[in-house]
PDB file of all heavy atoms in Angstrom:
ATOM      1  N   GLU A   1       0.816  -1.226   0.084  1.00  0.00           N
ATOM      2  CA  GLU A   1       0.069   0.045  -0.066  1.00  0.00           C
ATOM      3  C   GLU A   1       0.850   1.258  -0.077  1.00  0.00           C
ATOM      4  O   GLU A   1       0.628   2.208  -0.833  1.00  0.00           O
ATOM      5  CB  GLU A   1      -0.903   0.018   1.207  1.00  0.00           C
ATOM      6  CG  GLU A   1      -1.921   1.183   1.318  1.00  0.00           C
ATOM      7  CD  GLU A   1      -2.888   1.071   2.340  1.00  0.00           C
ATOM      8  OE1 GLU A   1      -2.537   0.644   3.478  1.00  0.00           O
ATOM      9  OE2 GLU A   1      -3.992   1.456   2.212  1.00  0.00           O
ATOM     10  N   TRP A   2       1.925   1.320   0.855  1.00  0.00           N
ATOM     11  CA  TRP A   2       2.778   2.366   0.900  1.00  0.00           C
ATOM     12  C   TRP A   2       3.549   2.659  -0.482  1.00  0.00           C
ATOM     13  O   TRP A   2       3.608   3.810  -0.927  1.00  0.00           O
ATOM     14  CB  TRP A   2       3.864   2.185   2.095  1.00  0.00           C
ATOM     15  CG  TRP A   2       4.748   3.398   2.154  1.00  0.00           C
ATOM     16  CD1 TRP A   2       4.533   4.554   2.813  1.00  0.00           C
ATOM     17  CD2 TRP A   2       5.950   3.618   1.471  1.00  0.00           C
ATOM     18  NE1 TRP A   2       5.636   5.445   2.753  1.00  0.00           N
ATOM     19  CE2 TRP A   2       6.539   4.860   1.931  1.00  0.00           C
ATOM     20  CE3 TRP A   2       6.790   2.758   0.628  1.00  0.00           C
ATOM     21  CZ2 TRP A   2       7.695   5.508   1.370  1.00  0.00           C
ATOM     22  CZ3 TRP A   2       8.001   3.338   0.265  1.00  0.00           C
ATOM     23  CH2 TRP A   2       8.553   4.650   0.693  1.00  0.00           C
ATOM     24  N   LEU A   3       4.028   1.514  -1.071  1.00  0.00           N
ATOM     25  CA  LEU A   3       4.571   1.640  -2.385  1.00  0.00           C
ATOM     26  C   LEU A   3       3.612   2.225  -3.439  1.00  0.00           C
ATOM     27  O   LEU A   3       4.007   3.114  -4.258  1.00  0.00           O
ATOM     28  CB  LEU A   3       5.063   0.388  -2.904  1.00  0.00           C
ATOM     29  CG  LEU A   3       6.275  -0.243  -2.177  1.00  0.00           C
ATOM     30  CD1 LEU A   3       6.575  -1.736  -2.508  1.00  0.00           C
ATOM     31  CD2 LEU A   3       7.479   0.678  -2.522  1.00  0.00           C
ATOM     32  N   SER A   4       2.397   1.865  -3.348  1.00  0.00           N
ATOM     33  CA  SER A   4       1.377   2.410  -4.396  1.00  0.00           C
ATOM     34  C   SER A   4       1.242   3.870  -4.170  1.00  0.00           C
ATOM     35  O   SER A   4       1.040   4.625  -5.184  1.00  0.00           O
ATOM     36  CB  SER A   4       0.005   1.672  -4.293  1.00  0.00           C
ATOM     37  OG  SER A   4      -0.624   2.016  -3.032  1.00  0.00           O
ATOM     38  N   GLU A   5       1.309   4.340  -2.926  1.00  0.00           N
ATOM     39  CA  GLU A   5       1.209   5.785  -2.592  1.00  0.00           C
ATOM     40  C   GLU A   5       2.331   6.643  -3.137  1.00  0.00           C
ATOM     41  O   GLU A   5       2.252   7.775  -3.355  1.00  0.00           O
ATOM     42  CB  GLU A   5       1.010   6.104  -1.084  1.00  0.00           C
ATOM     43  CG  GLU A   5      -0.318   5.472  -0.590  1.00  0.00           C
ATOM     44  CD  GLU A   5      -0.306   5.617   0.940  1.00  0.00           C
ATOM     45  OE1 GLU A   5       0.727   5.880   1.615  1.00  0.00           O
ATOM     46  OE2 GLU A   5      -1.471   5.224   1.442  1.00  0.00           O
ATOM     47  N   GLN A   6       3.610   5.851  -3.398  1.00  0.00           N
ATOM     48  CA  GLN A   6       4.699   6.497  -3.926  1.00  0.00           C
ATOM     49  C   GLN A   6       4.733   6.398  -5.532  1.00  0.00           C
ATOM     50  O   GLN A   6       5.758   6.814  -6.086  1.00  0.00           O
ATOM     51  CB  GLN A   6       5.976   5.863  -3.366  1.00  0.00           C
ATOM     52  CG  GLN A   6       5.949   5.638  -1.826  1.00  0.00           C
ATOM     53  CD  GLN A   6       5.727   6.846  -1.150  1.00  0.00           C
ATOM     54  OE1 GLN A   6       6.229   7.934  -1.347  1.00  0.00           O
ATOM     55  NE2 GLN A   6       4.645   6.793  -0.252  1.00  0.00           N
ATOM     56  N   GLY A   7       3.682   5.804  -6.081  1.00  0.00           N
ATOM     57  CA  GLY A   7       3.558   5.650  -7.577  1.00  0.00           C
ATOM     58  C   GLY A   7       4.281   4.406  -8.026  1.00  0.00           C
ATOM     59  O   GLY A   7       4.574   4.344  -9.229  1.00  0.00           O
ATOM     60  N   VAL A   8       4.508   3.431  -7.136  1.00  0.00           N
ATOM     61  CA  VAL A   8       5.229   2.184  -7.560  1.00  0.00           C
ATOM     62  C   VAL A   8       4.195   1.116  -7.683  1.00  0.00           C
ATOM     63  O   VAL A   8       3.370   0.945  -6.847  1.00  0.00           O
ATOM     64  CB  VAL A   8       6.272   1.863  -6.439  1.00  0.00           C
ATOM     65  CG1 VAL A   8       6.838   0.518  -6.825  1.00  0.00           C
ATOM     66  CG2 VAL A   8       7.328   2.841  -6.203  1.00  0.00           C
ATOM     67  N   ASN A   9       4.275   0.419  -8.864  1.00  0.00           N
ATOM     68  CA  ASN A   9       3.419  -0.581  -9.057  1.00  0.00           C
ATOM     69  C   ASN A   9       4.170  -1.951  -8.412  1.00  0.00           C
ATOM     70  O   ASN A   9       5.370  -2.146  -8.655  1.00  0.00           O
ATOM     71  CB  ASN A   9       3.231  -1.007 -10.507  1.00  0.00           C
ATOM     72  CG  ASN A   9       2.689   0.227 -11.294  1.00  0.00           C
ATOM     73  OD1 ASN A   9       1.657   0.628 -11.001  1.00  0.00           O
ATOM     74  ND2 ASN A   9       3.426   0.735 -12.351  1.00  0.00           N
ATOM     75  N   ALA A  10       3.500  -2.736  -7.602  1.00  0.00           N
ATOM     76  CA  ALA A  10       4.184  -3.700  -6.898  1.00  0.00           C
ATOM     77  C   ALA A  10       3.265  -5.026  -6.746  1.00  0.00           C
ATOM     78  O   ALA A  10       1.982  -4.684  -6.619  1.00  0.00           O
ATOM     79  CB  ALA A  10       4.651  -3.260  -5.551  1.00  0.00           C
ATOM     80  N   MET A  11       3.788  -6.121  -6.611  1.00  0.00           N
ATOM     81  CA  MET A  11       2.951  -7.326  -6.283  1.00  0.00           C
ATOM     82  C   MET A  11       3.804  -8.354  -5.707  1.00  0.00           C
ATOM     83  O   MET A  11       5.026  -8.346  -5.668  1.00  0.00           O
ATOM     84  CB  MET A  11       2.342  -7.829  -7.605  1.00  0.00           C
ATOM     85  CG  MET A  11       3.485  -8.475  -8.580  1.00  0.00           C
ATOM     86  SD  MET A  11       2.665  -9.443  -9.839  1.00  0.00           S
ATOM     87  CE  MET A  11       3.973 -10.718 -10.007  1.00  0.00           C
ATOM     88  N   ILE A  12       3.195  -9.313  -5.027  1.00  0.00           N
ATOM     89  CA  ILE A  12       3.688 -10.378  -4.452  1.00  0.00           C
ATOM     90  C   ILE A  12       2.929 -11.669  -4.853  1.00  0.00           C
ATOM     91  O   ILE A  12       1.742 -11.508  -4.950  1.00  0.00           O
ATOM     92  CB  ILE A  12       4.006 -10.356  -2.919  1.00  0.00           C
ATOM     93  CG1 ILE A  12       4.730 -11.559  -2.454  1.00  0.00           C
ATOM     94  CG2 ILE A  12       2.667 -10.194  -2.165  1.00  0.00           C
ATOM     95  CD1 ILE A  12       5.334 -11.435  -1.079  1.00  0.00           C
ATOM     96  N   ARG A  13       3.594 -12.779  -5.201  1.00  0.00           N
ATOM     97  CA  ARG A  13       2.835 -13.996  -5.584  1.00  0.00           C
ATOM     98  C   ARG A  13       3.618 -15.168  -5.178  1.00  0.00           C
ATOM     99  O   ARG A  13       4.766 -15.061  -4.882  1.00  0.00           O
ATOM    100  CB  ARG A  13       2.649 -13.924  -7.130  1.00  0.00           C
ATOM    101  CG  ARG A  13       3.888 -14.188  -7.881  1.00  0.00           C
ATOM    102  CD  ARG A  13       3.760 -14.082  -9.402  1.00  0.00           C
ATOM    103  NE  ARG A  13       2.761 -15.261  -9.969  1.00  0.00           N
ATOM    104  CZ  ARG A  13       3.219 -16.463 -10.364  1.00  0.00           C
ATOM    105  NH1 ARG A  13       4.517 -16.698 -10.379  1.00  0.00           N
ATOM    106  NH2 ARG A  13       2.315 -17.244 -10.766  1.00  0.00           N
ATOM    107  N   VAL A  14       2.697 -16.261  -5.120  1.00  0.00           N
ATOM    108  CA  VAL A  14       3.386 -17.522  -4.724  1.00  0.00           C
ATOM    109  C   VAL A  14       3.086 -18.495  -5.992  1.00  0.00           C
ATOM    110  O   VAL A  14       1.864 -18.483  -6.584  1.00  0.00           O
ATOM    111  CB  VAL A  14       2.821 -18.139  -3.473  1.00  0.00           C
ATOM    112  CG1 VAL A  14       1.452 -18.343  -3.500  1.00  0.00           C
ATOM    113  CG2 VAL A  14       3.618 -19.366  -3.066  1.00  0.00           C
ATOM    114  N   ASP A  15       3.999 -19.347  -6.258  1.00  0.00           N
ATOM    115  CA  ASP A  15       3.866 -20.273  -7.417  1.00  0.00           C
ATOM    116  C   ASP A  15       3.971 -21.709  -6.878  1.00  0.00           C
ATOM    117  O   ASP A  15       4.868 -22.146  -6.471  1.00  0.00           O
ATOM    118  CB  ASP A  15       4.953 -20.031  -8.468  1.00  0.00           C
ATOM    119  CG  ASP A  15       4.863 -20.882  -9.656  1.00  0.00           C
ATOM    120  OD1 ASP A  15       4.447 -21.955  -9.646  1.00  0.00           O
ATOM    121  OD2 ASP A  15       5.227 -20.317 -10.741  1.00  0.00           O
ATOM    122  N   ALA A  16       2.704 -22.278  -6.901  1.00  0.00           N
ATOM    123  CA  ALA A  16       2.666 -23.645  -6.256  1.00  0.00           C
ATOM    124  C   ALA A  16       3.489 -24.647  -7.033  1.00  0.00           C
ATOM    125  O   ALA A  16       4.119 -25.501  -6.325  1.00  0.00           O
ATOM    126  CB  ALA A  16       1.177 -24.089  -6.338  1.00  0.00           C
ATOM    127  N   ASP A  17       3.628 -24.600  -8.295  1.00  0.00           N
ATOM    128  CA  ASP A  17       4.526 -25.459  -8.924  1.00  0.00           C
ATOM    129  C   ASP A  17       5.961 -25.314  -8.500  1.00  0.00           C
ATOM    130  O   ASP A  17       6.661 -26.405  -8.412  1.00  0.00           O
ATOM    131  CB  ASP A  17       4.440 -25.297 -10.606  1.00  0.00           C
ATOM    132  CG  ASP A  17       3.058 -25.587 -11.112  1.00  0.00           C
ATOM    133  OD1 ASP A  17       2.469 -26.534 -10.400  1.00  0.00           O
ATOM    134  OD2 ASP A  17       2.650 -25.143 -12.095  1.00  0.00           O
ATOM    135  N   ARG A  18       6.436 -24.094  -8.315  1.00  0.00           N
ATOM    136  CA  ARG A  18       7.766 -23.929  -7.953  1.00  0.00           C
ATOM    137  C   ARG A  18       7.915 -24.498  -6.403  1.00  0.00           C
ATOM    138  O   ARG A  18       8.921 -25.006  -6.104  1.00  0.00           O
ATOM    139  CB  ARG A  18       8.304 -22.456  -7.999  1.00  0.00           C
ATOM    140  CG  ARG A  18       8.393 -22.033  -9.482  1.00  0.00           C
ATOM    141  CD  ARG A  18       8.942 -20.752  -9.696  1.00  0.00           C
ATOM    142  NE  ARG A  18       9.121 -19.796  -8.607  1.00  0.00           N
ATOM    143  CZ  ARG A  18       9.459 -18.536  -8.679  1.00  0.00           C
ATOM    144  NH1 ARG A  18       9.667 -18.042  -9.846  1.00  0.00           N
ATOM    145  NH2 ARG A  18       9.591 -17.851  -7.515  1.00  0.00           N
ATOM    146  N   ALA A  19       6.888 -24.245  -5.672  1.00  0.00           N
ATOM    147  CA  ALA A  19       6.936 -24.789  -4.272  1.00  0.00           C
ATOM    148  C   ALA A  19       7.163 -26.264  -4.260  1.00  0.00           C
ATOM    149  O   ALA A  19       7.884 -26.850  -3.462  1.00  0.00           O
ATOM    150  CB  ALA A  19       5.849 -24.366  -3.504  1.00  0.00           C
ATOM    151  N   VAL A  20       6.383 -26.949  -5.096  1.00  0.00           N
ATOM    152  CA  VAL A  20       6.414 -28.409  -5.183  1.00  0.00           C
ATOM    153  C   VAL A  20       7.830 -28.860  -5.654  1.00  0.00           C
ATOM    154  O   VAL A  20       8.343 -29.885  -5.282  1.00  0.00           O
ATOM    155  CB  VAL A  20       5.246 -29.007  -6.098  1.00  0.00           C
ATOM    156  CG1 VAL A  20       5.579 -30.445  -6.460  1.00  0.00           C
ATOM    157  CG2 VAL A  20       3.897 -28.784  -5.554  1.00  0.00           C
ATOM    158  N   ALA A  21       8.417 -28.107  -6.497  1.00  0.00           N
ATOM    159  CA  ALA A  21       9.710 -28.409  -7.108  1.00  0.00           C
ATOM    160  C   ALA A  21      10.834 -27.962  -6.078  1.00  0.00           C
ATOM    161  O   ALA A  21      12.035 -28.101  -6.435  1.00  0.00           O
ATOM    162  CB  ALA A  21       9.875 -27.738  -8.427  1.00  0.00           C
ATOM    163  N   ASN A  22      10.424 -27.484  -4.952  1.00  0.00           N
ATOM    164  CA  ASN A  22      11.428 -27.024  -3.880  1.00  0.00           C
ATOM    165  C   ASN A  22      12.329 -25.836  -4.437  1.00  0.00           C
ATOM    166  O   ASN A  22      13.377 -25.730  -4.174  1.00  0.00           O
ATOM    167  CB  ASN A  22      12.227 -28.132  -3.361  1.00  0.00           C
ATOM    168  CG  ASN A  22      12.865 -27.788  -2.045  1.00  0.00           C
ATOM    169  OD1 ASN A  22      12.306 -27.099  -1.269  1.00  0.00           O
ATOM    170  ND2 ASN A  22      13.954 -28.363  -1.750  1.00  0.00           N
ATOM    171  N   SER A  23      11.722 -25.061  -5.337  1.00  0.00           N
ATOM    172  CA  SER A  23      12.368 -23.860  -5.686  1.00  0.00           C
ATOM    173  C   SER A  23      11.743 -22.651  -5.104  1.00  0.00           C
ATOM    174  O   SER A  23      10.729 -22.809  -4.405  1.00  0.00           O
ATOM    175  CB  SER A  23      12.108 -23.701  -7.243  1.00  0.00           C
ATOM    176  OG  SER A  23      12.589 -24.713  -8.022  1.00  0.00           O
ATOM    177  N   PRO A  24      12.351 -21.471  -5.092  1.00  0.00           N
ATOM    178  CA  PRO A  24      11.802 -20.205  -4.403  1.00  0.00           C
ATOM    179  C   PRO A  24      10.507 -19.995  -5.069  1.00  0.00           C
ATOM    180  O   PRO A  24      10.339 -19.591  -6.150  1.00  0.00           O
ATOM    181  CB  PRO A  24      12.940 -19.244  -4.784  1.00  0.00           C
ATOM    182  CG  PRO A  24      14.167 -19.952  -5.017  1.00  0.00           C
ATOM    183  CD  PRO A  24      13.732 -21.227  -5.620  1.00  0.00           C
ATOM    184  N   ALA A  25       9.514 -20.192  -4.248  1.00  0.00           N
ATOM    185  CA  ALA A  25       8.079 -20.150  -4.729  1.00  0.00           C
ATOM    186  C   ALA A  25       7.458 -18.698  -4.617  1.00  0.00           C
ATOM    187  O   ALA A  25       6.502 -18.293  -5.304  1.00  0.00           O
ATOM    188  CB  ALA A  25       7.129 -21.069  -3.962  1.00  0.00           C
ATOM    189  N   TRP A  26       8.061 -17.857  -3.735  1.00  0.00           N
ATOM    190  CA  TRP A  26       7.555 -16.454  -3.593  1.00  0.00           C
ATOM    191  C   TRP A  26       8.275 -15.460  -4.478  1.00  0.00           C
ATOM    192  O   TRP A  26       9.584 -15.535  -4.508  1.00  0.00           O
ATOM    193  CB  TRP A  26       7.682 -16.073  -2.058  1.00  0.00           C
ATOM    194  CG  TRP A  26       6.760 -16.825  -1.215  1.00  0.00           C
ATOM    195  CD1 TRP A  26       6.989 -18.055  -0.527  1.00  0.00           C
ATOM    196  CD2 TRP A  26       5.361 -16.412  -0.967  1.00  0.00           C
ATOM    197  NE1 TRP A  26       5.798 -18.385   0.130  1.00  0.00           N
ATOM    198  CE2 TRP A  26       4.868 -17.380  -0.127  1.00  0.00           C
ATOM    199  CE3 TRP A  26       4.591 -15.327  -1.266  1.00  0.00           C
ATOM    200  CZ2 TRP A  26       3.522 -17.404   0.437  1.00  0.00           C
ATOM    201  CZ3 TRP A  26       3.296 -15.266  -0.803  1.00  0.00           C
ATOM    202  CH2 TRP A  26       2.793 -16.275   0.059  1.00  0.00           C
ATOM    203  N   THR A  27       7.614 -14.540  -5.104  1.00  0.00           N
ATOM    204  CA  THR A  27       8.141 -13.569  -5.913  1.00  0.00           C
ATOM    205  C   THR A  27       7.561 -12.175  -5.667  1.00  0.00           C
ATOM    206  O   THR A  27       6.369 -12.034  -5.463  1.00  0.00           O
ATOM    207  CB  THR A  27       7.935 -13.863  -7.387  1.00  0.00           C
ATOM    208  OG1 THR A  27       8.558 -15.105  -7.698  1.00  0.00           O
ATOM    209  CG2 THR A  27       8.487 -12.730  -8.297  1.00  0.00           C
ATOM    210  N   PHE A  28       8.398 -11.140  -5.361  1.00  0.00           N
ATOM    211  CA  PHE A  28       7.891  -9.796  -5.209  1.00  0.00           C
ATOM    212  C   PHE A  28       8.518  -9.157  -6.557  1.00  0.00           C
ATOM    213  O   PHE A  28       9.672  -9.204  -6.885  1.00  0.00           O
ATOM    214  CB  PHE A  28       8.596  -9.208  -4.005  1.00  0.00           C
ATOM    215  CG  PHE A  28       8.340  -7.687  -3.918  1.00  0.00           C
ATOM    216  CD1 PHE A  28       7.160  -7.192  -3.259  1.00  0.00           C
ATOM    217  CD2 PHE A  28       9.230  -6.811  -4.431  1.00  0.00           C
ATOM    218  CE1 PHE A  28       6.979  -5.868  -3.213  1.00  0.00           C
ATOM    219  CE2 PHE A  28       9.034  -5.397  -4.358  1.00  0.00           C
ATOM    220  CZ  PHE A  28       7.866  -4.977  -3.730  1.00  0.00           C
ATOM    221  N   ALA A  29       7.723  -8.291  -7.059  1.00  0.00           N
ATOM    222  CA  ALA A  29       8.077  -7.430  -8.242  1.00  0.00           C
ATOM    223  C   ALA A  29       7.623  -6.129  -8.095  1.00  0.00           C
ATOM    224  O   ALA A  29       6.463  -5.795  -7.509  1.00  0.00           O
ATOM    225  CB  ALA A  29       7.560  -8.029  -9.592  1.00  0.00           C
ATOM    226  N   ALA A  30       8.450  -5.077  -8.556  1.00  0.00           N
ATOM    227  CA  ALA A  30       8.014  -3.621  -8.459  1.00  0.00           C
ATOM    228  C   ALA A  30       8.651  -2.942  -9.645  1.00  0.00           C
ATOM    229  O   ALA A  30       9.685  -3.288 -10.040  1.00  0.00           O
ATOM    230  CB  ALA A  30       8.470  -3.035  -7.107  1.00  0.00           C
ATOM    231  N   SER A  31       7.991  -1.860  -9.985  1.00  0.00           N
ATOM    232  CA  SER A  31       8.277  -0.983 -11.050  1.00  0.00           C
ATOM    233  C   SER A  31       7.622   0.367 -11.044  1.00  0.00           C
ATOM    234  O   SER A  31       6.629   0.448 -10.460  1.00  0.00           O
ATOM    235  CB  SER A  31       8.133  -1.589 -12.389  1.00  0.00           C
ATOM    236  OG  SER A  31       6.773  -1.747 -12.720  1.00  0.00           O
ATOM    237  N   GLY A  32       8.135   1.293 -11.834  1.00  0.00           N
ATOM    238  CA  GLY A  32       7.576   2.637 -11.860  1.00  0.00           C
ATOM    239  C   GLY A  32       7.862   3.535 -10.603  1.00  0.00           C
ATOM    240  O   GLY A  32       8.574   3.261  -9.755  1.00  0.00           O
TER     241      GLY A  32
END
């Protein structure tokens, strides 16, 4: 929420397939 107030587009997601494969399943991305 704070990032959006600064004009930053941001998200966090989890990928179940990567979790099953024991890879880093969580991803945060930001831009703008």
